PDB file of N, CA and C in Angstrom:
ATOM      1  N   UNK A   1       2.647 -15.064 -15.912  1.00  0.00           N
ATOM      2  CA  UNK A   1       1.175 -15.308 -14.629  1.00  0.00           C
ATOM      3  C   UNK A   1       0.494 -16.037 -16.535  1.00  0.00           C
ATOM      4  N   UNK A   2       0.520 -17.627 -15.622  1.00  0.00           N
ATOM      5  CA  UNK A   2      -0.852 -18.209 -16.038  1.00  0.00           C
ATOM      6  C   UNK A   2      -1.884 -18.644 -15.822  1.00  0.00           C
ATOM      7  N   UNK A   3      -2.592 -18.918 -16.762  1.00  0.00           N
ATOM      8  CA  UNK A   3      -3.804 -17.782 -16.702  1.00  0.00           C
ATOM      9  C   UNK A   3      -4.652 -18.952 -16.486  1.00  0.00           C
ATOM     10  N   UNK A   4      -3.903 -19.832 -15.228  1.00  0.00           N
ATOM     11  CA  UNK A   4      -5.258 -21.408 -15.178  1.00  0.00           C
ATOM     12  C   UNK A   4      -4.976 -20.510 -13.476  1.00  0.00           C
ATOM     13  N   UNK A   5      -4.334 -19.082 -12.730  1.00  0.00           N
ATOM     14  CA  UNK A   5      -4.099 -18.634 -11.900  1.00  0.00           C
ATOM     15  C   UNK A   5      -5.199 -17.768 -11.820  1.00  0.00           C
ATOM     16  N   UNK A   6      -6.249 -17.147 -10.662  1.00  0.00           N
ATOM     17  CA  UNK A   6      -6.688 -16.284 -10.675  1.00  0.00           C
ATOM     18  C   UNK A   6      -5.602 -15.082  -9.660  1.00  0.00           C
ATOM     19  N   UNK A   7      -5.513 -14.243 -10.799  1.00  0.00           N
ATOM     20  CA  UNK A   7      -4.483 -12.879  -9.818  1.00  0.00           C
ATOM     21  C   UNK A   7      -6.049 -11.967  -9.588  1.00  0.00           C
ATOM     22  N   UNK A   8      -5.851 -11.477  -8.011  1.00  0.00           N
ATOM     23  CA  UNK A   8      -6.202 -10.035  -7.956  1.00  0.00           C
ATOM     24  C   UNK A   8      -4.970  -9.768  -7.368  1.00  0.00           C
ATOM     25  N   UNK A   9      -6.284  -8.095  -6.725  1.00  0.00           N
ATOM     26  CA  UNK A   9      -5.728  -6.904  -6.109  1.00  0.00           C
ATOM     27  C   UNK A   9      -6.511  -6.253  -5.275  1.00  0.00           C
ATOM     28  N   UNK A  10      -5.635  -6.393  -4.191  1.00  0.00           N
ATOM     29  CA  UNK A  10      -6.778  -5.558  -2.951  1.00  0.00           C
ATOM     30  C   UNK A  10      -6.965  -3.940  -3.157  1.00  0.00           C
ATOM     31  N   UNK A  11      -8.556  -3.443  -1.993  1.00  0.00           N
ATOM     32  CA  UNK A  11      -7.767  -2.059  -2.314  1.00  0.00           C
ATOM     33  C   UNK A  11      -7.323  -1.667  -1.244  1.00  0.00           C
ATOM     34  N   UNK A  12      -7.514   0.107  -1.607  1.00  0.00           N
ATOM     35  CA  UNK A  12      -6.613   0.645  -0.122  1.00  0.00           C
ATOM     36  C   UNK A  12      -6.823   0.504   0.999  1.00  0.00           C
ATOM     37  N   UNK A  13      -7.712   0.024   1.213  1.00  0.00           N
ATOM     38  CA  UNK A  13      -8.661  -0.779   3.455  1.00  0.00           C
ATOM     39  C   UNK A  13      -7.627  -1.903   3.917  1.00  0.00           C
ATOM     40  N   UNK A  14      -6.503  -2.870   2.610  1.00  0.00           N
ATOM     41  CA  UNK A  14      -6.184  -3.605   3.281  1.00  0.00           C
ATOM     42  C   UNK A  14      -4.673  -3.453   2.704  1.00  0.00           C
ATOM     43  N   UNK A  15      -4.117  -4.153   3.556  1.00  0.00           N
ATOM     44  CA  UNK A  15      -2.801  -3.504   3.348  1.00  0.00           C
ATOM     45  C   UNK A  15      -1.858  -5.116   3.372  1.00  0.00           C
ATOM     46  N   UNK A  16      -1.068  -5.017   1.760  1.00  0.00           N
ATOM     47  CA  UNK A  16      -1.244  -6.051   0.878  1.00  0.00           C
ATOM     48  C   UNK A  16       0.162  -7.121   1.951  1.00  0.00           C
ATOM     49  N   UNK A  17       1.336  -6.350   2.523  1.00  0.00           N
ATOM     50  CA  UNK A  17       2.209  -6.942   3.045  1.00  0.00           C
ATOM     51  C   UNK A  17       1.358  -7.476   4.353  1.00  0.00           C
ATOM     52  N   UNK A  18       0.125  -7.131   5.683  1.00  0.00           N
ATOM     53  CA  UNK A  18      -0.378  -8.023   6.408  1.00  0.00           C
ATOM     54  C   UNK A  18      -1.082  -9.303   5.600  1.00  0.00           C
ATOM     55  N   UNK A  19      -1.991  -8.873   5.180  1.00  0.00           N
ATOM     56  CA  UNK A  19      -2.125  -9.872   4.182  1.00  0.00           C
ATOM     57  C   UNK A  19      -1.282 -11.359   3.893  1.00  0.00           C
ATOM     58  N   UNK A  20       0.018 -10.290   3.360  1.00  0.00           N
ATOM     59  CA  UNK A  20       1.129 -11.342   3.193  1.00  0.00           C
ATOM     60  C   UNK A  20       1.447 -12.653   4.054  1.00  0.00           C
ATOM     61  N   UNK A  21       1.193 -11.395   5.602  1.00  0.00           N
ATOM     62  CA  UNK A  21       1.687 -12.359   6.405  1.00  0.00           C
ATOM     63  C   UNK A  21       0.389 -13.519   7.401  1.00  0.00           C
ATOM     64  N   UNK A  22      -1.148 -12.657   6.820  1.00  0.00           N
ATOM     65  CA  UNK A  22      -2.453 -13.561   7.242  1.00  0.00           C
ATOM     66  C   UNK A  22      -1.928 -14.879   6.785  1.00  0.00           C
ATOM     67  N   UNK A  23      -0.847 -15.165   5.000  1.00  0.00           N
ATOM     68  CA  UNK A  23      -1.958 -16.343   4.921  1.00  0.00           C
ATOM     69  C   UNK A  23      -0.126 -17.254   4.524  1.00  0.00           C
ATOM     70  N   UNK A  24       0.403 -16.633   6.316  1.00  0.00           N
ATOM     71  CA  UNK A  24       1.982 -17.037   6.424  1.00  0.00           C
ATOM     72  C   UNK A  24       1.631 -17.846   7.393  1.00  0.00           C
ATOM     73  N   UNK A  25       0.447 -16.896   7.956  1.00  0.00           N
ATOM     74  CA  UNK A  25      -0.001 -18.276   8.762  1.00  0.00           C
ATOM     75  C   UNK A  25      -1.144 -20.026   9.102  1.00  0.00           C
ATOM     76  N   UNK A  26      -1.534 -20.421  10.042  1.00  0.00           N
ATOM     77  CA  UNK A  26      -2.523 -21.330   9.663  1.00  0.00           C
ATOM     78  C   UNK A  26      -3.346 -20.539  10.027  1.00  0.00           C
ATOM     79  N   UNK A  27      -4.275 -19.517  10.341  1.00  0.00           N
ATOM     80  CA  UNK A  27      -5.242 -18.823  10.506  1.00  0.00           C
ATOM     81  C   UNK A  27      -6.213 -19.398   9.286  1.00  0.00           C
ATOM     82  N   UNK A  28      -5.981 -19.500   7.788  1.00  0.00           N
ATOM     83  CA  UNK A  28      -7.198 -19.958   7.466  1.00  0.00           C
ATOM     84  C   UNK A  28      -6.923 -21.210   6.159  1.00  0.00           C
ATOM     85  N   UNK A  29      -5.827 -21.982   7.391  1.00  0.00           N
ATOM     86  CA  UNK A  29      -6.622 -23.312   6.614  1.00  0.00           C
ATOM     87  C   UNK A  29      -7.271 -24.221   7.065  1.00  0.00           C
ATOM     88  N   UNK A  30      -8.458 -23.606   8.184  1.00  0.00           N
ATOM     89  CA  UNK A  30      -9.506 -24.191   8.858  1.00  0.00           C
ATOM     90  C   UNK A  30     -10.310 -24.471   7.105  1.00  0.00           C
ATOM     91  N   UNK A  31     -10.269 -23.051   6.582  1.00  0.00           N
ATOM     92  CA  UNK A  31     -11.416 -22.967   5.265  1.00  0.00           C
ATOM     93  C   UNK A  31     -11.311 -23.783   4.791  1.00  0.00           C
ATOM     94  N   UNK A  32      -9.983 -23.843   4.389  1.00  0.00           N
ATOM     95  CA  UNK A  32      -9.273 -23.997   3.555  1.00  0.00           C
ATOM     96  C   UNK A  32      -9.189 -25.902   3.771  1.00  0.00           C
ATOM     97  N   UNK A  33      -9.631 -26.794   4.626  1.00  0.00           N
ATOM     98  CA  UNK A  33      -9.824 -28.046   5.170  1.00  0.00           C
ATOM     99  C   UNK A  33     -10.851 -28.069   4.731  1.00  0.00           C
ATOM    100  N   UNK A  34     -12.278 -26.866   5.050  1.00  0.00           N
ATOM    101  CA  UNK A  34     -14.208 -27.430   5.352  1.00  0.00           C
ATOM    102  C   UNK A  34     -14.668 -27.521   3.814  1.00  0.00           C
ATOM    103  N   UNK A  35     -13.763 -26.536   2.629  1.00  0.00           N
ATOM    104  CA  UNK A  35     -13.648 -25.871   1.302  1.00  0.00           C
ATOM    105  C   UNK A  35     -13.140 -26.509   0.171  1.00  0.00           C
ATOM    106  N   UNK A  36     -11.599 -27.030   0.631  1.00  0.00           N
ATOM    107  CA  UNK A  36     -11.399 -26.875  -0.943  1.00  0.00           C
ATOM    108  C   UNK A  36     -11.741 -28.359  -0.797  1.00  0.00           C
ATOM    109  N   UNK A  37     -10.372 -28.460  -1.978  1.00  0.00           N
ATOM    110  CA  UNK A  37     -10.572 -29.867  -2.570  1.00  0.00           C
ATOM    111  C   UNK A  37      -9.065 -30.644  -2.780  1.00  0.00           C
ATOM    112  N   UNK A  38      -8.866 -31.514  -2.891  1.00  0.00           N
ATOM    113  CA  UNK A  38      -8.075 -31.892  -2.713  1.00  0.00           C
ATOM    114  C   UNK A  38      -8.061 -33.519  -4.052  1.00  0.00           C
ATOM    115  N   UNK A  39      -6.794 -33.341  -4.273  1.00  0.00           N
ATOM    116  CA  UNK A  39      -6.557 -34.034  -5.666  1.00  0.00           C
ATOM    117  C   UNK A  39      -6.208 -35.470  -5.273  1.00  0.00           C
ATOM    118  N   UNK A  40      -5.554 -36.096  -5.944  1.00  0.00           N
ATOM    119  CA  UNK A  40      -4.474 -37.509  -6.684  1.00  0.00           C
ATOM    120  C   UNK A  40      -3.449 -36.912  -5.432  1.00  0.00           C
ATOM    121  N   UNK A  41      -3.303 -36.217  -5.264  1.00  0.00           N
ATOM    122  CA  UNK A  41      -2.106 -35.791  -3.724  1.00  0.00           C
ATOM    123  C   UNK A  41      -3.163 -34.959  -3.017  1.00  0.00           C
ATOM    124  N   UNK A  42      -2.757 -35.665  -1.433  1.00  0.00           N
ATOM    125  CA  UNK A  42      -3.369 -35.472  -0.485  1.00  0.00           C
ATOM    126  C   UNK A  42      -2.970 -34.061   0.364  1.00  0.00           C
ATOM    127  N   UNK A  43      -1.858 -33.263  -0.310  1.00  0.00           N
ATOM    128  CA  UNK A  43      -0.963 -32.066   0.688  1.00  0.00           C
ATOM    129  C   UNK A  43      -1.122 -31.330  -0.381  1.00  0.00           C
ATOM    130  N   UNK A  44      -2.161 -31.410  -2.006  1.00  0.00           N
ATOM    131  CA  UNK A  44      -2.901 -30.049  -2.455  1.00  0.00           C
ATOM    132  C   UNK A  44      -4.268 -29.898  -2.065  1.00  0.00           C
ATOM    133  N   UNK A  45      -3.850 -28.827  -2.177  1.00  0.00           N
ATOM    134  CA  UNK A  45      -5.896 -28.555  -2.407  1.00  0.00           C
ATOM    135  C   UNK A  45      -5.934 -27.748  -3.026  1.00  0.00           C
ATOM    136  N   UNK A  46      -7.763 -27.645  -3.998  1.00  0.00           N
ATOM    137  CA  UNK A  46      -8.031 -26.908  -4.478  1.00  0.00           C
ATOM    138  C   UNK A  46      -9.176 -26.082  -4.030  1.00  0.00           C
ATOM    139  N   UNK A  47      -9.745 -24.675  -4.734  1.00  0.00           N
ATOM    140  CA  UNK A  47     -10.972 -24.555  -4.534  1.00  0.00           C
ATOM    141  C   UNK A  47     -10.719 -23.095  -5.006  1.00  0.00           C
ATOM    142  N   UNK A  48     -12.665 -23.206  -5.805  1.00  0.00           N
ATOM    143  CA  UNK A  48     -13.657 -22.708  -7.062  1.00  0.00           C
ATOM    144  C   UNK A  48     -12.779 -20.692  -5.831  1.00  0.00           C
ATOM    145  N   UNK A  49     -12.616 -19.987  -7.327  1.00  0.00           N
ATOM    146  CA  UNK A  49     -12.514 -18.804  -7.319  1.00  0.00           C
ATOM    147  C   UNK A  49     -13.728 -18.069  -6.440  1.00  0.00           C
ATOM    148  N   UNK A  50     -14.739 -18.309  -6.701  1.00  0.00           N
ATOM    149  CA  UNK A  50     -15.676 -17.526  -5.421  1.00  0.00           C
ATOM    150  C   UNK A  50     -15.836 -18.227  -4.092  1.00  0.00           C
ATOM    151  N   UNK A  51     -15.652 -19.613  -3.736  1.00  0.00           N
ATOM    152  CA  UNK A  51     -15.375 -20.504  -2.268  1.00  0.00           C
ATOM    153  C   UNK A  51     -14.291 -19.202  -1.884  1.00  0.00           C
ATOM    154  N   UNK A  52     -13.146 -18.813  -3.022  1.00  0.00           N
ATOM    155  CA  UNK A  52     -11.029 -18.372  -2.349  1.00  0.00           C
ATOM    156  C   UNK A  52     -12.324 -16.931  -1.554  1.00  0.00           C
ATOM    157  N   UNK A  53     -12.660 -15.962  -2.782  1.00  0.00           N
ATOM    158  CA  UNK A  53     -12.963 -14.524  -2.313  1.00  0.00           C
ATOM    159  C   UNK A  53     -14.483 -14.663  -0.923  1.00  0.00           C
ATOM    160  N   UNK A  54     -14.796 -16.107  -0.573  1.00  0.00           N
ATOM    161  CA  UNK A  54     -16.054 -15.275  -0.207  1.00  0.00           C
ATOM    162  C   UNK A  54     -14.807 -16.513   1.830  1.00  0.00           C
ATOM    163  N   UNK A  55     -14.198 -16.182   1.736  1.00  0.00           N
ATOM    164  CA  UNK A  55     -13.072 -16.936   2.693  1.00  0.00           C
ATOM    165  C   UNK A  55     -13.074 -15.579   3.811  1.00  0.00           C
ATOM    166  N   UNK A  56     -13.617 -15.480   5.011  1.00  0.00           N
ATOM    167  CA  UNK A  56     -13.547 -14.720   5.979  1.00  0.00           C
ATOM    168  C   UNK A  56     -12.385 -14.467   6.535  1.00  0.00           C
ATOM    169  N   UNK A  57     -11.817 -13.353   6.443  1.00  0.00           N
ATOM    170  CA  UNK A  57     -10.123 -12.610   6.879  1.00  0.00           C
ATOM    171  C   UNK A  57     -10.104 -11.978   8.376  1.00  0.00           C
ATOM    172  N   UNK A  58      -9.491 -11.971   8.483  1.00  0.00           N
ATOM    173  CA  UNK A  58      -9.944 -10.748  10.247  1.00  0.00           C
ATOM    174  C   UNK A  58      -8.575  -9.023   9.454  1.00  0.00           C
ATOM    175  N   UNK A  59      -9.870  -8.695   9.504  1.00  0.00           N
ATOM    176  CA  UNK A  59      -9.131  -7.818   9.507  1.00  0.00           C
ATOM    177  C   UNK A  59      -9.203  -6.034  10.537  1.00  0.00           C
ATOM    178  N   UNK A  60      -7.770  -5.669  10.983  1.00  0.00           N
ATOM    179  CA  UNK A  60      -8.531  -4.521  11.271  1.00  0.00           C
ATOM    180  C   UNK A  60      -8.531  -3.587  11.099  1.00  0.00           C
ATOM    181  N   UNK A  61      -8.246  -2.768  11.940  1.00  0.00           N
ATOM    182  CA  UNK A  61      -8.311  -1.215  10.660  1.00  0.00           C
ATOM    183  C   UNK A  61      -7.310  -1.184  10.877  1.00  0.00           C
ATOM    184  N   UNK A  62      -6.540  -0.162   9.650  1.00  0.00           N
ATOM    185  CA  UNK A  62      -5.455  -0.410   8.266  1.00  0.00           C
ATOM    186  C   UNK A  62      -4.105   0.233   9.324  1.00  0.00           C
ATOM    187  N   UNK A  63      -4.672   1.320  10.480  1.00  0.00           N
ATOM    188  CA  UNK A  63      -3.322   1.558  10.837  1.00  0.00           C
ATOM    189  C   UNK A  63      -3.044   0.070  12.045  1.00  0.00           C
ATOM    190  N   UNK A  64      -4.013  -0.665  12.081  1.00  0.00           N
ATOM    191  CA  UNK A  64      -3.449  -1.840  13.202  1.00  0.00           C
ATOM    192  C   UNK A  64      -2.382  -2.686  11.682  1.00  0.00           C
ATOM    193  N   UNK A  65      -3.050  -2.663  10.899  1.00  0.00           N
ATOM    194  CA  UNK A  65      -2.970  -4.162  10.135  1.00  0.00           C
ATOM    195  C   UNK A  65      -1.214  -3.816   9.504  1.00  0.00           C
ATOM    196  N   UNK A  66      -1.392  -1.661   9.757  1.00  0.00           N
ATOM    197  CA  UNK A  66       0.216  -1.378   9.356  1.00  0.00           C
ATOM    198  C   UNK A  66       1.012  -1.801  10.548  1.00  0.00           C
ATOM    199  N   UNK A  67       0.609  -1.613  11.645  1.00  0.00           N
ATOM    200  CA  UNK A  67       1.584  -2.157  12.397  1.00  0.00           C
ATOM    201  C   UNK A  67       1.462  -3.926  13.217  1.00  0.00           C
ATOM    202  N   UNK A  68       1.067  -4.281  11.999  1.00  0.00           N
ATOM    203  CA  UNK A  68       0.680  -5.927  12.794  1.00  0.00           C
ATOM    204  C   UNK A  68       1.957  -6.547  11.425  1.00  0.00           C
ATOM    205  N   UNK A  69       1.970  -6.153  10.359  1.00  0.00           N
ATOM    206  CA  UNK A  69       2.966  -6.145   8.933  1.00  0.00           C
ATOM    207  C   UNK A  69       3.698  -6.107   9.587  1.00  0.00           C
ATOM    208  N   UNK A  70       4.498  -5.042   9.838  1.00  0.00           N
ATOM    209  CA  UNK A  70       6.039  -4.174  10.223  1.00  0.00           C
ATOM    210  C   UNK A  70       6.094  -4.598  11.855  1.00  0.00           C
ATOM    211  N   UNK A  71       5.649  -5.836  12.281  1.00  0.00           N
ATOM    212  CA  UNK A  71       6.338  -6.391  13.716  1.00  0.00           C
ATOM    213  C   UNK A  71       6.804  -7.517  13.310  1.00  0.00           C
ATOM    214  N   UNK A  72       5.774  -7.885  12.333  1.00  0.00           N
ATOM    215  CA  UNK A  72       5.984  -9.156  12.224  1.00  0.00           C
ATOM    216  C   UNK A  72       7.131  -9.265  10.626  1.00  0.00           C
ATOM    217  N   UNK A  73       7.525  -8.215  10.086  1.00  0.00           N
ATOM    218  CA  UNK A  73       8.566  -8.139   9.147  1.00  0.00           C
ATOM    219  C   UNK A  73       9.952  -7.936   9.856  1.00  0.00           C
ATOM    220  N   UNK A  74       9.194  -6.988  10.602  1.00  0.00           N
ATOM    221  CA  UNK A  74      11.236  -6.662  11.577  1.00  0.00           C
ATOM    222  C   UNK A  74      11.320  -8.509  12.666  1.00  0.00           C
ATOM    223  N   UNK A  75      10.643  -9.135  12.607  1.00  0.00           N
ATOM    224  CA  UNK A  75      10.966  -9.935  13.495  1.00  0.00           C
ATOM    225  C   UNK A  75      11.316 -11.214  12.109  1.00  0.00           C
ATOM    226  N   UNK A  76      10.253 -11.096  11.308  1.00  0.00           N
ATOM    227  CA  UNK A  76      11.262 -12.471  10.757  1.00  0.00           C
ATOM    228  C   UNK A  76      13.108 -11.888  10.037  1.00  0.00           C
ATOM    229  N   UNK A  77      12.866 -11.010  10.256  1.00  0.00           N
ATOM    230  CA  UNK A  77      14.608  -9.899  10.279  1.00  0.00           C
ATOM    231  C   UNK A  77      15.239 -10.652  10.800  1.00  0.00           C
ATOM    232  N   UNK A  78      15.219 -10.639  11.999  1.00  0.00           N
ATOM    233  CA  UNK A  78      15.626 -10.677  13.047  1.00  0.00           C
ATOM    234  C   UNK A  78      15.704 -12.080  13.797  1.00  0.00           C
ATOM    235  N   UNK A  79      15.022 -12.613  12.337  1.00  0.00           N
ATOM    236  CA  UNK A  79      15.178 -13.984  12.294  1.00  0.00           C
ATOM    237  C   UNK A  79      16.079 -14.837  12.057  1.00  0.00           C
ATOM    238  N   UNK A  80      16.032 -13.986  10.816  1.00  0.00           N
ATOM    239  CA  UNK A  80      16.914 -14.274   9.159  1.00  0.00           C
ATOM    240  C   UNK A  80      18.619 -13.465  10.086  1.00  0.00           C
ATOM    241  N   UNK A  81      18.322 -13.005  11.174  1.00  0.00           N
ATOM    242  CA  UNK A  81      19.938 -12.288  11.481  1.00  0.00           C
ATOM    243  C   UNK A  81      19.906 -13.222  11.868  1.00  0.00           C
ATOM    244  N   UNK A  82      19.709 -13.611  13.416  1.00  0.00           N
ATOM    245  CA  UNK A  82      19.622 -14.961  13.997  1.00  0.00           C
ATOM    246  C   UNK A  82      19.813 -16.227  13.699  1.00  0.00           C
ATOM    247  N   UNK A  83      20.041 -16.726  12.821  1.00  0.00           N
ATOM    248  CA  UNK A  83      19.869 -17.484  11.444  1.00  0.00           C
ATOM    249  C   UNK A  83      21.388 -17.971  11.107  1.00  0.00           C
ATOM    250  N   UNK A  84      21.774 -16.963  10.874  1.00  0.00           N
ATOM    251  CA  UNK A  84      23.429 -16.821  10.151  1.00  0.00           C
ATOM    252  C   UNK A  84      24.387 -16.578  11.162  1.00  0.00           C
TER     253      UNK A  84
END
Protein backbone atom coordinates (compact mmCIF):
# COMPACT_ATOMS: atom_id res chain seq x y z
CA UNK A 1 0.00 0.00 0.00
CA UNK A 2 1.32 3.38 -0.94
CA UNK A 3 2.30 5.61 2.01
CA UNK A 4 0.21 8.32 0.34
CA UNK A 5 -2.95 6.55 1.53
CA UNK A 6 -4.27 6.34 5.04
CA UNK A 7 -5.16 2.83 6.08
CA UNK A 8 -7.60 2.40 8.92
CA UNK A 9 -9.43 -0.38 10.65
CA UNK A 10 -12.65 -0.50 12.58
CA UNK A 11 -13.36 -1.99 15.97
CA UNK A 12 -15.84 -4.75 16.78
CA UNK A 13 -18.72 -2.27 17.07
CA UNK A 14 -18.79 -1.73 13.30
CA UNK A 15 -19.56 -4.43 10.75
CA UNK A 16 -17.01 -4.06 7.95
CA UNK A 17 -19.45 -5.26 5.30
CA UNK A 18 -21.99 -2.69 6.49
CA UNK A 19 -19.38 0.02 6.13
CA UNK A 20 -18.47 -1.22 2.65
CA UNK A 21 -22.10 -1.02 1.56
CA UNK A 22 -22.48 2.38 3.23
CA UNK A 23 -19.69 3.80 1.07
CA UNK A 24 -21.36 2.42 -2.05
CA UNK A 25 -24.27 4.78 -1.38
CA UNK A 26 -24.33 8.52 -1.91
CA UNK A 27 -25.19 9.33 1.72
CA UNK A 28 -21.62 10.46 2.43
CA UNK A 29 -21.24 12.51 -0.77
CA UNK A 30 -22.78 15.63 0.82
CA UNK A 31 -20.06 15.61 3.48
CA UNK A 32 -17.37 15.22 0.82
CA UNK A 33 -18.89 18.02 -1.25
CA UNK A 34 -18.84 20.38 1.73
CA UNK A 35 -15.52 19.33 3.27
CA UNK A 36 -13.46 17.99 0.36
CA UNK A 37 -11.16 19.83 -2.00
CA UNK A 38 -11.10 19.33 -5.75
CA UNK A 39 -7.92 19.70 -7.69
CA UNK A 40 -7.32 20.12 -11.38
CA UNK A 41 -9.94 17.48 -12.13
CA UNK A 42 -13.41 18.31 -10.88
CA UNK A 43 -14.34 14.62 -10.61
CA UNK A 44 -11.68 13.96 -7.96
CA UNK A 45 -11.78 15.04 -4.34
CA UNK A 46 -9.27 14.98 -1.57
CA UNK A 47 -9.97 15.24 2.10
CA UNK A 48 -7.64 15.40 5.07
CA UNK A 49 -7.39 12.37 7.32
CA UNK A 50 -8.66 14.28 10.34
CA UNK A 51 -11.69 15.58 8.41
CA UNK A 52 -12.45 12.10 7.06
CA UNK A 53 -12.51 10.69 10.59
CA UNK A 54 -15.00 13.40 11.59
CA UNK A 55 -17.44 12.24 8.89
CA UNK A 56 -20.81 11.40 10.45
CA UNK A 57 -21.71 7.82 9.58
CA UNK A 58 -25.09 6.45 10.55
CA UNK A 59 -24.43 3.21 12.37
CA UNK A 60 -27.30 1.33 13.94
CA UNK A 61 -26.60 -1.33 16.56
CA UNK A 62 -24.27 -4.11 15.44
CA UNK A 63 -27.03 -6.69 14.92
CA UNK A 64 -28.89 -4.34 12.58
CA UNK A 65 -25.67 -3.51 10.71
CA UNK A 66 -25.15 -7.23 10.12
CA UNK A 67 -28.70 -7.67 8.82
CA UNK A 68 -28.41 -4.66 6.51
CA UNK A 69 -25.04 -5.84 5.17
CA UNK A 70 -26.40 -9.35 4.59
CA UNK A 71 -29.45 -7.96 2.78
CA UNK A 72 -27.37 -5.85 0.40
CA UNK A 73 -24.89 -8.67 -0.14
CA UNK A 74 -27.72 -10.98 -1.18
CA UNK A 75 -29.24 -8.25 -3.33
CA UNK A 76 -25.90 -7.69 -5.11
CA UNK A 77 -25.64 -11.43 -5.75
CA UNK A 78 -29.18 -11.57 -7.10
CA UNK A 79 -28.52 -8.64 -9.43
CA UNK A 80 -25.33 -10.29 -10.70
CA UNK A 81 -27.18 -13.56 -11.27
CA UNK A 82 -29.92 -11.84 -13.28
CA UNK A 83 -27.39 -9.90 -15.36
CA UNK A 84 -25.85 -13.17 -16.49
